[in-house]
Amino acid sequence: IGDGLFLAAALSWAVFGLLMRRWQIRPQLGILGIASFSLVTYMPVYL
């Protein structure tokens, strides 16, 4: 089960990398966006 989840995580990261390159988003802005949107969408659900 863990191995399958790891493969799915790898697919998710691969898509992220390809989209970053395709959209030519500046790395620093891309990381700021990931962190910000993850915060506002995940933390309320978690809490």
ModelCIF file with pLDDT and N, C-alpha, C, O atoms, coordinates in Angstrom:
data_MODEL
#
_entry.id   MODEL 
#
_entity.id                         1 
_entity.type                       polymer 
_entity.pdbx_number_of_molecules   1 
#
_entity_poly.entity_id                      1 
_entity_poly.type                           'polypeptide(L)' 
_entity_poly.nstd_linkage                   no 
_entity_poly.nstd_monomer                   no 
_entity_poly.pdbx_seq_one_letter_code       IGDGLFLAAALSWAVFGLLMRRWQIRPQLGILGIASFSLVTYMPVYL 
_entity_poly.pdbx_seq_one_letter_code_can   IGDGLFLAAALSWAVFGLLMRRWQIRPQLGILGIASFSLVTYMPVYL 
_entity_poly.pdbx_strand_id                 A 
#
loop_
_entity_poly_seq.entity_id 
_entity_poly_seq.num 
_entity_poly_seq.mon_id 
_entity_poly_seq.hetero 
1 1  ILE n 
1 2  GLY n 
1 3  ASP n 
1 4  GLY n 
1 5  LEU n 
1 6  PHE n 
1 7  LEU n 
1 8  ALA n 
1 9  ALA n 
1 10 ALA n 
1 11 LEU n 
1 12 SER n 
1 13 TRP n 
1 14 ALA n 
1 15 VAL n 
1 16 PHE n 
1 17 GLY n 
1 18 LEU n 
1 19 LEU n 
1 20 MET n 
1 21 ARG n 
1 22 ARG n 
1 23 TRP n 
1 24 GLN n 
1 25 ILE n 
1 26 ARG n 
1 27 PRO n 
1 28 GLN n 
1 29 LEU n 
1 30 GLY n 
1 31 ILE n 
1 32 LEU n 
1 33 GLY n 
1 34 ILE n 
1 35 ALA n 
1 36 SER n 
1 37 PHE n 
1 38 SER n 
1 39 LEU n 
1 40 VAL n 
1 41 THR n 
1 42 TYR n 
1 43 MET n 
1 44 PRO n 
1 45 VAL n 
1 46 TYR n 
1 47 LEU n 
#
_struct_asym.id          A 
_struct_asym.entity_id   1 
#
loop_
_ma_qa_metric.id 
_ma_qa_metric.mode 
_ma_qa_metric.name 
_ma_qa_metric.software_group_id 
_ma_qa_metric.type 
1 global pLDDT . pLDDT 
2 local  pLDDT . pLDDT 
#
_ma_qa_metric_global.metric_id      1 
_ma_qa_metric_global.metric_value   93.55 
_ma_qa_metric_global.model_id       1 
_ma_qa_metric_global.ordinal_id     1 
#
loop_
_ma_qa_metric_local.label_asym_id 
_ma_qa_metric_local.label_comp_id 
_ma_qa_metric_local.label_seq_id 
_ma_qa_metric_local.metric_id 
_ma_qa_metric_local.metric_value 
_ma_qa_metric_local.model_id 
_ma_qa_metric_local.ordinal_id 
A ILE 1  2 88.00 1 1  
A GLY 2  2 87.00 1 2  
A ASP 3  2 86.00 1 3  
A GLY 4  2 89.00 1 4  
A LEU 5  2 94.00 1 5  
A PHE 6  2 91.00 1 6  
A LEU 7  2 90.00 1 7  
A ALA 8  2 95.00 1 8  
A ALA 9  2 95.00 1 9  
A ALA 10 2 93.00 1 10 
A LEU 11 2 94.00 1 11 
A SER 12 2 96.00 1 12 
A TRP 13 2 95.00 1 13 
A ALA 14 2 93.00 1 14 
A VAL 15 2 95.00 1 15 
A PHE 16 2 95.00 1 16 
A GLY 17 2 92.00 1 17 
A LEU 18 2 93.00 1 18 
A LEU 19 2 94.00 1 19 
A MET 20 2 93.00 1 20 
A ARG 21 2 89.00 1 21 
A ARG 22 2 91.00 1 22 
A TRP 23 2 93.00 1 23 
A GLN 24 2 91.00 1 24 
A ILE 25 2 93.00 1 25 
A ARG 26 2 92.00 1 26 
A PRO 27 2 91.00 1 27 
A GLN 28 2 92.00 1 28 
A LEU 29 2 94.00 1 29 
A GLY 30 2 94.00 1 30 
A ILE 31 2 94.00 1 31 
A LEU 32 2 95.00 1 32 
A GLY 33 2 96.00 1 33 
A ILE 34 2 96.00 1 34 
A ALA 35 2 96.00 1 35 
A SER 36 2 97.00 1 36 
A PHE 37 2 97.00 1 37 
A SER 38 2 96.00 1 38 
A LEU 39 2 96.00 1 39 
A VAL 40 2 96.00 1 40 
A THR 41 2 96.00 1 41 
A TYR 42 2 96.00 1 42 
A MET 43 2 96.00 1 43 
A PRO 44 2 96.00 1 44 
A VAL 45 2 95.00 1 45 
A TYR 46 2 96.00 1 46 
A LEU 47 2 95.00 1 47 
#
loop_
_atom_site.group_PDB 
_atom_site.id 
_atom_site.type_symbol 
_atom_site.label_atom_id 
_atom_site.label_alt_id 
_atom_site.label_comp_id 
_atom_site.label_asym_id 
_atom_site.label_entity_id 
_atom_site.label_seq_id 
_atom_site.pdbx_PDB_ins_code 
_atom_site.Cartn_x 
_atom_site.Cartn_y 
_atom_site.Cartn_z 
_atom_site.occupancy 
_atom_site.B_iso_or_equiv 
_atom_site.pdbx_formal_charge 
_atom_site.auth_seq_id 
_atom_site.auth_comp_id 
_atom_site.auth_asym_id 
_atom_site.auth_atom_id 
_atom_site.pdbx_PDB_model_num 
ATOM 1   N N  . ILE A 1 1  ? 0.841   -1.196 0.000   1.00 88.00 ? 1  ILE A N  1 
ATOM 2   C CA . ILE A 1 1  ? 0.000   0.000  0.000   1.00 88.00 ? 1  ILE A CA 1 
ATOM 3   C C  . ILE A 1 1  ? 0.876   1.245  0.000   1.00 88.00 ? 1  ILE A C  1 
ATOM 4   O O  . ILE A 1 1  ? 0.628   2.191  -0.749  1.00 88.00 ? 1  ILE A O  1 
ATOM 5   N N  . GLY A 1 2  ? 1.907   1.237  0.852   1.00 87.00 ? 2  GLY A N  1 
ATOM 6   C CA . GLY A 1 2  ? 2.833   2.360  0.884   1.00 87.00 ? 2  GLY A CA 1 
ATOM 7   C C  . GLY A 1 2  ? 3.557   2.535  -0.436  1.00 87.00 ? 2  GLY A C  1 
ATOM 8   O O  . GLY A 1 2  ? 3.769   3.662  -0.883  1.00 87.00 ? 2  GLY A O  1 
ATOM 9   N N  . ASP A 1 3  ? 3.942   1.423  -1.070  1.00 86.00 ? 3  ASP A N  1 
ATOM 10  C CA . ASP A 1 3  ? 4.635   1.504  -2.354  1.00 86.00 ? 3  ASP A CA 1 
ATOM 11  C C  . ASP A 1 3  ? 3.744   2.142  -3.420  1.00 86.00 ? 3  ASP A C  1 
ATOM 12  O O  . ASP A 1 3  ? 4.200   2.954  -4.224  1.00 86.00 ? 3  ASP A O  1 
ATOM 13  N N  . GLY A 1 4  ? 2.467   1.760  -3.411  1.00 89.00 ? 4  GLY A N  1 
ATOM 14  C CA . GLY A 1 4  ? 1.531   2.355  -4.365  1.00 89.00 ? 4  GLY A CA 1 
ATOM 15  C C  . GLY A 1 4  ? 1.342   3.844  -4.118  1.00 89.00 ? 4  GLY A C  1 
ATOM 16  O O  . GLY A 1 4  ? 1.249   4.629  -5.062  1.00 89.00 ? 4  GLY A O  1 
ATOM 17  N N  . LEU A 1 5  ? 1.287   4.229  -2.851  1.00 94.00 ? 5  LEU A N  1 
ATOM 18  C CA . LEU A 1 5  ? 1.166   5.653  -2.521  1.00 94.00 ? 5  LEU A CA 1 
ATOM 19  C C  . LEU A 1 5  ? 2.416   6.421  -2.941  1.00 94.00 ? 5  LEU A C  1 
ATOM 20  O O  . LEU A 1 5  ? 2.318   7.558  -3.403  1.00 94.00 ? 5  LEU A O  1 
ATOM 21  N N  . PHE A 1 6  ? 3.586   5.809  -2.785  1.00 91.00 ? 6  PHE A N  1 
ATOM 22  C CA . PHE A 1 6  ? 4.831   6.456  -3.211  1.00 91.00 ? 6  PHE A CA 1 
ATOM 23  C C  . PHE A 1 6  ? 4.845   6.666  -4.721  1.00 91.00 ? 6  PHE A C  1 
ATOM 24  O O  . PHE A 1 6  ? 5.270   7.720  -5.194  1.00 91.00 ? 6  PHE A O  1 
ATOM 25  N N  . LEU A 1 7  ? 4.387   5.683  -5.475  1.00 90.00 ? 7  LEU A N  1 
ATOM 26  C CA . LEU A 1 7  ? 4.334   5.830  -6.932  1.00 90.00 ? 7  LEU A CA 1 
ATOM 27  C C  . LEU A 1 7  ? 3.360   6.940  -7.336  1.00 90.00 ? 7  LEU A C  1 
ATOM 28  O O  . LEU A 1 7  ? 3.622   7.704  -8.266  1.00 90.00 ? 7  LEU A O  1 
ATOM 29  N N  . ALA A 1 8  ? 2.239   7.015  -6.626  1.00 95.00 ? 8  ALA A N  1 
ATOM 30  C CA . ALA A 1 8  ? 1.269   8.084  -6.912  1.00 95.00 ? 8  ALA A CA 1 
ATOM 31  C C  . ALA A 1 8  ? 1.866   9.450  -6.566  1.00 95.00 ? 8  ALA A C  1 
ATOM 32  O O  . ALA A 1 8  ? 1.645   10.425 -7.284  1.00 95.00 ? 8  ALA A O  1 
ATOM 33  N N  . ALA A 1 9  ? 2.617   9.521  -5.472  1.00 95.00 ? 9  ALA A N  1 
ATOM 34  C CA . ALA A 1 9  ? 3.279   10.782 -5.106  1.00 95.00 ? 9  ALA A CA 1 
ATOM 35  C C  . ALA A 1 9  ? 4.295   11.183 -6.168  1.00 95.00 ? 9  ALA A C  1 
ATOM 36  O O  . ALA A 1 9  ? 4.419   12.361 -6.504  1.00 95.00 ? 9  ALA A O  1 
ATOM 37  N N  . ALA A 1 10 ? 5.023   10.194 -6.695  1.00 93.00 ? 10 ALA A N  1 
ATOM 38  C CA . ALA A 1 10 ? 6.002   10.471 -7.750  1.00 93.00 ? 10 ALA A CA 1 
ATOM 39  C C  . ALA A 1 10 ? 5.319   11.021 -8.997  1.00 93.00 ? 10 ALA A C  1 
ATOM 40  O O  . ALA A 1 10 ? 5.835   11.941 -9.631  1.00 93.00 ? 10 ALA A O  1 
ATOM 41  N N  . LEU A 1 11 ? 4.166   10.466 -9.354  1.00 94.00 ? 11 LEU A N  1 
ATOM 42  C CA . LEU A 1 11 ? 3.412   10.955 -10.506 1.00 94.00 ? 11 LEU A CA 1 
ATOM 43  C C  . LEU A 1 11 ? 2.969   12.400 -10.269 1.00 94.00 ? 11 LEU A C  1 
ATOM 44  O O  . LEU A 1 11 ? 3.051   13.235 -11.170 1.00 94.00 ? 11 LEU A O  1 
ATOM 45  N N  . SER A 1 12 ? 2.505   12.688 -9.069  1.00 96.00 ? 12 SER A N  1 
ATOM 46  C CA . SER A 1 12 ? 2.053   14.039 -8.748  1.00 96.00 ? 12 SER A CA 1 
ATOM 47  C C  . SER A 1 12 ? 3.202   15.037 -8.869  1.00 96.00 ? 12 SER A C  1 
ATOM 48  O O  . SER A 1 12 ? 3.020   16.132 -9.402  1.00 96.00 ? 12 SER A O  1 
ATOM 49  N N  . TRP A 1 13 ? 4.388   14.662 -8.376  1.00 95.00 ? 13 TRP A N  1 
ATOM 50  C CA . TRP A 1 13 ? 5.543   15.565 -8.454  1.00 95.00 ? 13 TRP A CA 1 
ATOM 51  C C  . TRP A 1 13 ? 6.028   15.726 -9.894  1.00 95.00 ? 13 TRP A C  1 
ATOM 52  O O  . TRP A 1 13 ? 6.453   16.811 -10.288 1.00 95.00 ? 13 TRP A O  1 
ATOM 53  N N  . ALA A 1 14 ? 5.964   14.653 -10.676 1.00 93.00 ? 14 ALA A N  1 
ATOM 54  C CA . ALA A 1 14 ? 6.378   14.742 -12.076 1.00 93.00 ? 14 ALA A CA 1 
ATOM 55  C C  . ALA A 1 14 ? 5.485   15.717 -12.837 1.00 93.00 ? 14 ALA A C  1 
ATOM 56  O O  . ALA A 1 14 ? 5.977   16.510 -13.639 1.00 93.00 ? 14 ALA A O  1 
ATOM 57  N N  . VAL A 1 15 ? 4.181   15.664 -12.592 1.00 95.00 ? 15 VAL A N  1 
ATOM 58  C CA . VAL A 1 15 ? 3.251   16.594 -13.239 1.00 95.00 ? 15 VAL A CA 1 
ATOM 59  C C  . VAL A 1 15 ? 3.560   18.021 -12.814 1.00 95.00 ? 15 VAL A C  1 
ATOM 60  O O  . VAL A 1 15 ? 3.535   18.936 -13.637 1.00 95.00 ? 15 VAL A O  1 
ATOM 61  N N  . PHE A 1 16 ? 3.849   18.213 -11.537 1.00 95.00 ? 16 PHE A N  1 
ATOM 62  C CA . PHE A 1 16 ? 4.221   19.539 -11.034 1.00 95.00 ? 16 PHE A CA 1 
ATOM 63  C C  . PHE A 1 16 ? 5.447   20.090 -11.771 1.00 95.00 ? 16 PHE A C  1 
ATOM 64  O O  . PHE A 1 16 ? 5.442   21.238 -12.214 1.00 95.00 ? 16 PHE A O  1 
ATOM 65  N N  . GLY A 1 17 ? 6.485   19.276 -11.898 1.00 92.00 ? 17 GLY A N  1 
ATOM 66  C CA . GLY A 1 17 ? 7.693   19.733 -12.564 1.00 92.00 ? 17 GLY A CA 1 
ATOM 67  C C  . GLY A 1 17 ? 7.466   20.105 -14.017 1.00 92.00 ? 17 GLY A C  1 
ATOM 68  O O  . GLY A 1 17 ? 7.992   21.109 -14.497 1.00 92.00 ? 17 GLY A O  1 
ATOM 69  N N  . LEU A 1 18 ? 6.686   19.302 -14.712 1.00 93.00 ? 18 LEU A N  1 
ATOM 70  C CA . LEU A 1 18 ? 6.412   19.569 -16.121 1.00 93.00 ? 18 LEU A CA 1 
ATOM 71  C C  . LEU A 1 18 ? 5.558   20.825 -16.300 1.00 93.00 ? 18 LEU A C  1 
ATOM 72  O O  . LEU A 1 18 ? 5.774   21.594 -17.236 1.00 93.00 ? 18 LEU A O  1 
ATOM 73  N N  . LEU A 1 19 ? 4.594   21.033 -15.410 1.00 94.00 ? 19 LEU A N  1 
ATOM 74  C CA . LEU A 1 19 ? 3.759   22.236 -15.494 1.00 94.00 ? 19 LEU A CA 1 
ATOM 75  C C  . LEU A 1 19 ? 4.570   23.490 -15.193 1.00 94.00 ? 19 LEU A C  1 
ATOM 76  O O  . LEU A 1 19 ? 4.379   24.522 -15.836 1.00 94.00 ? 19 LEU A O  1 
ATOM 77  N N  . MET A 1 20 ? 5.470   23.408 -14.223 1.00 93.00 ? 20 MET A N  1 
ATOM 78  C CA . MET A 1 20 ? 6.323   24.559 -13.917 1.00 93.00 ? 20 MET A CA 1 
ATOM 79  C C  . MET A 1 20 ? 7.127   24.970 -15.139 1.00 93.00 ? 20 MET A C  1 
ATOM 80  O O  . MET A 1 20 ? 7.262   26.157 -15.436 1.00 93.00 ? 20 MET A O  1 
ATOM 81  N N  . ARG A 1 21 ? 7.658   23.981 -15.845 1.00 89.00 ? 21 ARG A N  1 
ATOM 82  C CA . ARG A 1 21 ? 8.475   24.289 -17.020 1.00 89.00 ? 21 ARG A CA 1 
ATOM 83  C C  . ARG A 1 21 ? 7.608   24.782 -18.174 1.00 89.00 ? 21 ARG A C  1 
ATOM 84  O O  . ARG A 1 21 ? 7.981   25.721 -18.878 1.00 89.00 ? 21 ARG A O  1 
ATOM 85  N N  . ARG A 1 22 ? 6.453   24.152 -18.369 1.00 91.00 ? 22 ARG A N  1 
ATOM 86  C CA . ARG A 1 22 ? 5.590   24.522 -19.489 1.00 91.00 ? 22 ARG A CA 1 
ATOM 87  C C  . ARG A 1 22 ? 5.053   25.943 -19.321 1.00 91.00 ? 22 ARG A C  1 
ATOM 88  O O  . ARG A 1 22 ? 4.994   26.700 -20.290 1.00 91.00 ? 22 ARG A O  1 
ATOM 89  N N  . TRP A 1 23 ? 4.664   26.306 -18.110 1.00 93.00 ? 23 TRP A N  1 
ATOM 90  C CA . TRP A 1 23 ? 4.101   27.636 -17.857 1.00 93.00 ? 23 TRP A CA 1 
ATOM 91  C C  . TRP A 1 23 ? 5.171   28.693 -17.600 1.00 93.00 ? 23 TRP A C  1 
ATOM 92  O O  . TRP A 1 23 ? 4.865   29.882 -17.503 1.00 93.00 ? 23 TRP A O  1 
ATOM 93  N N  . GLN A 1 24 ? 6.432   28.257 -17.489 1.00 91.00 ? 24 GLN A N  1 
ATOM 94  C CA . GLN A 1 24 ? 7.558   29.179 -17.273 1.00 91.00 ? 24 GLN A CA 1 
ATOM 95  C C  . GLN A 1 24 ? 7.317   30.095 -16.068 1.00 91.00 ? 24 GLN A C  1 
ATOM 96  O O  . GLN A 1 24 ? 7.532   31.306 -16.122 1.00 91.00 ? 24 GLN A O  1 
ATOM 97  N N  . ILE A 1 25 ? 6.870   29.477 -14.998 1.00 93.00 ? 25 ILE A N  1 
ATOM 98  C CA . ILE A 1 25 ? 6.663   30.223 -13.756 1.00 93.00 ? 25 ILE A CA 1 
ATOM 99  C C  . ILE A 1 25 ? 7.991   30.315 -13.009 1.00 93.00 ? 25 ILE A C  1 
ATOM 100 O O  . ILE A 1 25 ? 8.690   29.315 -12.847 1.00 93.00 ? 25 ILE A O  1 
ATOM 101 N N  . ARG A 1 26 ? 8.330   31.509 -12.562 1.00 92.00 ? 26 ARG A N  1 
ATOM 102 C CA . ARG A 1 26 ? 9.579   31.698 -11.831 1.00 92.00 ? 26 ARG A CA 1 
ATOM 103 C C  . ARG A 1 26 ? 9.584   30.805 -10.592 1.00 92.00 ? 26 ARG A C  1 
ATOM 104 O O  . ARG A 1 26 ? 8.605   30.780 -9.847  1.00 92.00 ? 26 ARG A O  1 
ATOM 105 N N  . PRO A 1 27 ? 10.681  30.069 -10.362 1.00 91.00 ? 27 PRO A N  1 
ATOM 106 C CA . PRO A 1 27 ? 10.717  29.105 -9.254  1.00 91.00 ? 27 PRO A CA 1 
ATOM 107 C C  . PRO A 1 27 ? 10.307  29.688 -7.908  1.00 91.00 ? 27 PRO A C  1 
ATOM 108 O O  . PRO A 1 27 ? 9.539   29.071 -7.170  1.00 91.00 ? 27 PRO A O  1 
ATOM 109 N N  . GLN A 1 28 ? 10.819  30.882 -7.584  1.00 92.00 ? 28 GLN A N  1 
ATOM 110 C CA . GLN A 1 28 ? 10.499  31.449 -6.277  1.00 92.00 ? 28 GLN A CA 1 
ATOM 111 C C  . GLN A 1 28 ? 9.014   31.783 -6.147  1.00 92.00 ? 28 GLN A C  1 
ATOM 112 O O  . GLN A 1 28 ? 8.431   31.621 -5.074  1.00 92.00 ? 28 GLN A O  1 
ATOM 113 N N  . LEU A 1 29 ? 8.404   32.247 -7.236  1.00 94.00 ? 29 LEU A N  1 
ATOM 114 C CA . LEU A 1 29 ? 6.971   32.549 -7.191  1.00 94.00 ? 29 LEU A CA 1 
ATOM 115 C C  . LEU A 1 29 ? 6.147   31.266 -7.154  1.00 94.00 ? 29 LEU A C  1 
ATOM 116 O O  . LEU A 1 29 ? 5.120   31.201 -6.479  1.00 94.00 ? 29 LEU A O  1 
ATOM 117 N N  . GLY A 1 30 ? 6.597   30.254 -7.875  1.00 94.00 ? 30 GLY A N  1 
ATOM 118 C CA . GLY A 1 30 ? 5.888   28.976 -7.863  1.00 94.00 ? 30 GLY A CA 1 
ATOM 119 C C  . GLY A 1 30 ? 5.844   28.361 -6.480  1.00 94.00 ? 30 GLY A C  1 
ATOM 120 O O  . GLY A 1 30 ? 4.809   27.849 -6.054  1.00 94.00 ? 30 GLY A O  1 
ATOM 121 N N  . ILE A 1 31 ? 6.970   28.410 -5.775  1.00 94.00 ? 31 ILE A N  1 
ATOM 122 C CA . ILE A 1 31 ? 7.021   27.836 -4.433  1.00 94.00 ? 31 ILE A CA 1 
ATOM 123 C C  . ILE A 1 31 ? 6.190   28.659 -3.454  1.00 94.00 ? 31 ILE A C  1 
ATOM 124 O O  . ILE A 1 31 ? 5.544   28.103 -2.565  1.00 94.00 ? 31 ILE A O  1 
ATOM 125 N N  . LEU A 1 32 ? 6.204   29.976 -3.612  1.00 95.00 ? 32 LEU A N  1 
ATOM 126 C CA . LEU A 1 32 ? 5.347   30.813 -2.767  1.00 95.00 ? 32 LEU A CA 1 
ATOM 127 C C  . LEU A 1 32 ? 3.877   30.462 -2.972  1.00 95.00 ? 32 LEU A C  1 
ATOM 128 O O  . LEU A 1 32 ? 3.109   30.400 -2.012  1.00 95.00 ? 32 LEU A O  1 
ATOM 129 N N  . GLY A 1 33 ? 3.489   30.232 -4.227  1.00 96.00 ? 33 GLY A N  1 
ATOM 130 C CA . GLY A 1 33 ? 2.097   29.895 -4.519  1.00 96.00 ? 33 GLY A CA 1 
ATOM 131 C C  . GLY A 1 33 ? 1.702   28.543 -3.957  1.00 96.00 ? 33 GLY A C  1 
ATOM 132 O O  . GLY A 1 33 ? 0.614   28.396 -3.399  1.00 96.00 ? 33 GLY A O  1 
ATOM 133 N N  . ILE A 1 34 ? 2.578   27.546 -4.100  1.00 96.00 ? 34 ILE A N  1 
ATOM 134 C CA . ILE A 1 34 ? 2.279   26.215 -3.568  1.00 96.00 ? 34 ILE A CA 1 
ATOM 135 C C  . ILE A 1 34 ? 2.077   26.280 -2.066  1.00 96.00 ? 34 ILE A C  1 
ATOM 136 O O  . ILE A 1 34 ? 1.100   25.749 -1.538  1.00 96.00 ? 34 ILE A O  1 
ATOM 137 N N  . ALA A 1 35 ? 3.009   26.936 -1.377  1.00 96.00 ? 35 ALA A N  1 
ATOM 138 C CA . ALA A 1 35 ? 2.914   27.022 0.079   1.00 96.00 ? 35 ALA A CA 1 
ATOM 139 C C  . ALA A 1 35 ? 1.657   27.781 0.512   1.00 96.00 ? 35 ALA A C  1 
ATOM 140 O O  . ALA A 1 35 ? 0.982   27.377 1.459   1.00 96.00 ? 35 ALA A O  1 
ATOM 141 N N  . SER A 1 36 ? 1.344   28.881 -0.182  1.00 97.00 ? 36 SER A N  1 
ATOM 142 C CA . SER A 1 36 ? 0.203   29.716 0.211   1.00 97.00 ? 36 SER A CA 1 
ATOM 143 C C  . SER A 1 36 ? -1.126  28.996 -0.002  1.00 97.00 ? 36 SER A C  1 
ATOM 144 O O  . SER A 1 36 ? -1.959  28.950 0.903   1.00 97.00 ? 36 SER A O  1 
ATOM 145 N N  . PHE A 1 37 ? -1.326  28.437 -1.188  1.00 97.00 ? 37 PHE A N  1 
ATOM 146 C CA . PHE A 1 37 ? -2.590  27.759 -1.465  1.00 97.00 ? 37 PHE A CA 1 
ATOM 147 C C  . PHE A 1 37 ? -2.744  26.485 -0.637  1.00 97.00 ? 37 PHE A C  1 
ATOM 148 O O  . PHE A 1 37 ? -3.857  26.133 -0.245  1.00 97.00 ? 37 PHE A O  1 
ATOM 149 N N  . SER A 1 38 ? -1.640  25.792 -0.368  1.00 96.00 ? 38 SER A N  1 
ATOM 150 C CA . SER A 1 38 ? -1.709  24.604 0.484   1.00 96.00 ? 38 SER A CA 1 
ATOM 151 C C  . SER A 1 38 ? -2.120  24.990 1.900   1.00 96.00 ? 38 SER A C  1 
ATOM 152 O O  . SER A 1 38 ? -2.880  24.270 2.548   1.00 96.00 ? 38 SER A O  1 
ATOM 153 N N  . LEU A 1 39 ? -1.615  26.127 2.380   1.00 96.00 ? 39 LEU A N  1 
ATOM 154 C CA . LEU A 1 39 ? -1.976  26.598 3.718   1.00 96.00 ? 39 LEU A CA 1 
ATOM 155 C C  . LEU A 1 39 ? -3.465  26.887 3.828   1.00 96.00 ? 39 LEU A C  1 
ATOM 156 O O  . LEU A 1 39 ? -4.131  26.390 4.736   1.00 96.00 ? 39 LEU A O  1 
ATOM 157 N N  . VAL A 1 40 ? -3.993  27.690 2.904   1.00 96.00 ? 40 VAL A N  1 
ATOM 158 C CA . VAL A 1 40 ? -5.375  28.151 3.041   1.00 96.00 ? 40 VAL A CA 1 
ATOM 159 C C  . VAL A 1 40 ? -6.393  27.059 2.733   1.00 96.00 ? 40 VAL A C  1 
ATOM 160 O O  . VAL A 1 40 ? -7.535  27.143 3.183   1.00 96.00 ? 40 VAL A O  1 
ATOM 161 N N  . THR A 1 41 ? -6.002  26.032 1.974   1.00 96.00 ? 41 THR A N  1 
ATOM 162 C CA . THR A 1 41 ? -6.946  24.953 1.673   1.00 96.00 ? 41 THR A CA 1 
ATOM 163 C C  . THR A 1 41 ? -6.836  23.783 2.644   1.00 96.00 ? 41 THR A C  1 
ATOM 164 O O  . THR A 1 41 ? -7.838  23.144 2.967   1.00 96.00 ? 41 THR A O  1 
ATOM 165 N N  . TYR A 1 42 ? -5.635  23.503 3.106   1.00 96.00 ? 42 TYR A N  1 
ATOM 166 C CA . TYR A 1 42 ? -5.454  22.300 3.940   1.00 96.00 ? 42 TYR A CA 1 
ATOM 167 C C  . TYR A 1 42 ? -5.669  22.565 5.424   1.00 96.00 ? 42 TYR A C  1 
ATOM 168 O O  . TYR A 1 42 ? -6.338  21.781 6.098   1.00 96.00 ? 42 TYR A O  1 
ATOM 169 N N  . MET A 1 43 ? -5.113  23.652 5.942   1.00 96.00 ? 43 MET A N  1 
ATOM 170 C CA . MET A 1 43 ? -5.132  23.852 7.387   1.00 96.00 ? 43 MET A CA 1 
ATOM 171 C C  . MET A 1 43 ? -6.538  23.924 7.990   1.00 96.00 ? 43 MET A C  1 
ATOM 172 O O  . MET A 1 43 ? -6.749  23.343 9.055   1.00 96.00 ? 43 MET A O  1 
ATOM 173 N N  . PRO A 1 44 ? -7.512  24.605 7.370   1.00 96.00 ? 44 PRO A N  1 
ATOM 174 C CA . PRO A 1 44 ? -8.859  24.571 7.953   1.00 96.00 ? 44 PRO A CA 1 
ATOM 175 C C  . PRO A 1 44 ? -9.436  23.158 8.025   1.00 96.00 ? 44 PRO A C  1 
ATOM 176 O O  . PRO A 1 44 ? -10.069 22.794 9.016   1.00 96.00 ? 44 PRO A O  1 
ATOM 177 N N  . VAL A 1 45 ? -9.217  22.361 6.973   1.00 95.00 ? 45 VAL A N  1 
ATOM 178 C CA . VAL A 1 45 ? -9.711  20.976 6.971   1.00 95.00 ? 45 VAL A CA 1 
ATOM 179 C C  . VAL A 1 45 ? -9.022  20.171 8.064   1.00 95.00 ? 45 VAL A C  1 
ATOM 180 O O  . VAL A 1 45 ? -9.666  19.408 8.784   1.00 95.00 ? 45 VAL A O  1 
ATOM 181 N N  . TYR A 1 46 ? -7.714  20.345 8.183   1.00 96.00 ? 46 TYR A N  1 
ATOM 182 C CA . TYR A 1 46 ? -6.956  19.615 9.199   1.00 96.00 ? 46 TYR A CA 1 
ATOM 183 C C  . TYR A 1 46 ? -7.430  19.971 10.602  1.00 96.00 ? 46 TYR A C  1 
ATOM 184 O O  . TYR A 1 46 ? -7.662  19.085 11.425  1.00 96.00 ? 46 TYR A O  1 
ATOM 185 N N  . LEU A 1 47 ? -7.573  21.250 10.874  1.00 95.00 ? 47 LEU A N  1 
ATOM 186 C CA . LEU A 1 47 ? -7.930  21.685 12.224  1.00 95.00 ? 47 LEU A CA 1 
ATOM 187 C C  . LEU A 1 47 ? -9.345  21.272 12.611  1.00 95.00 ? 47 LEU A C  1 
ATOM 188 O O  . LEU A 1 47 ? -9.792  21.566 13.719  1.00 95.00 ? 47 LEU A O  1 
#
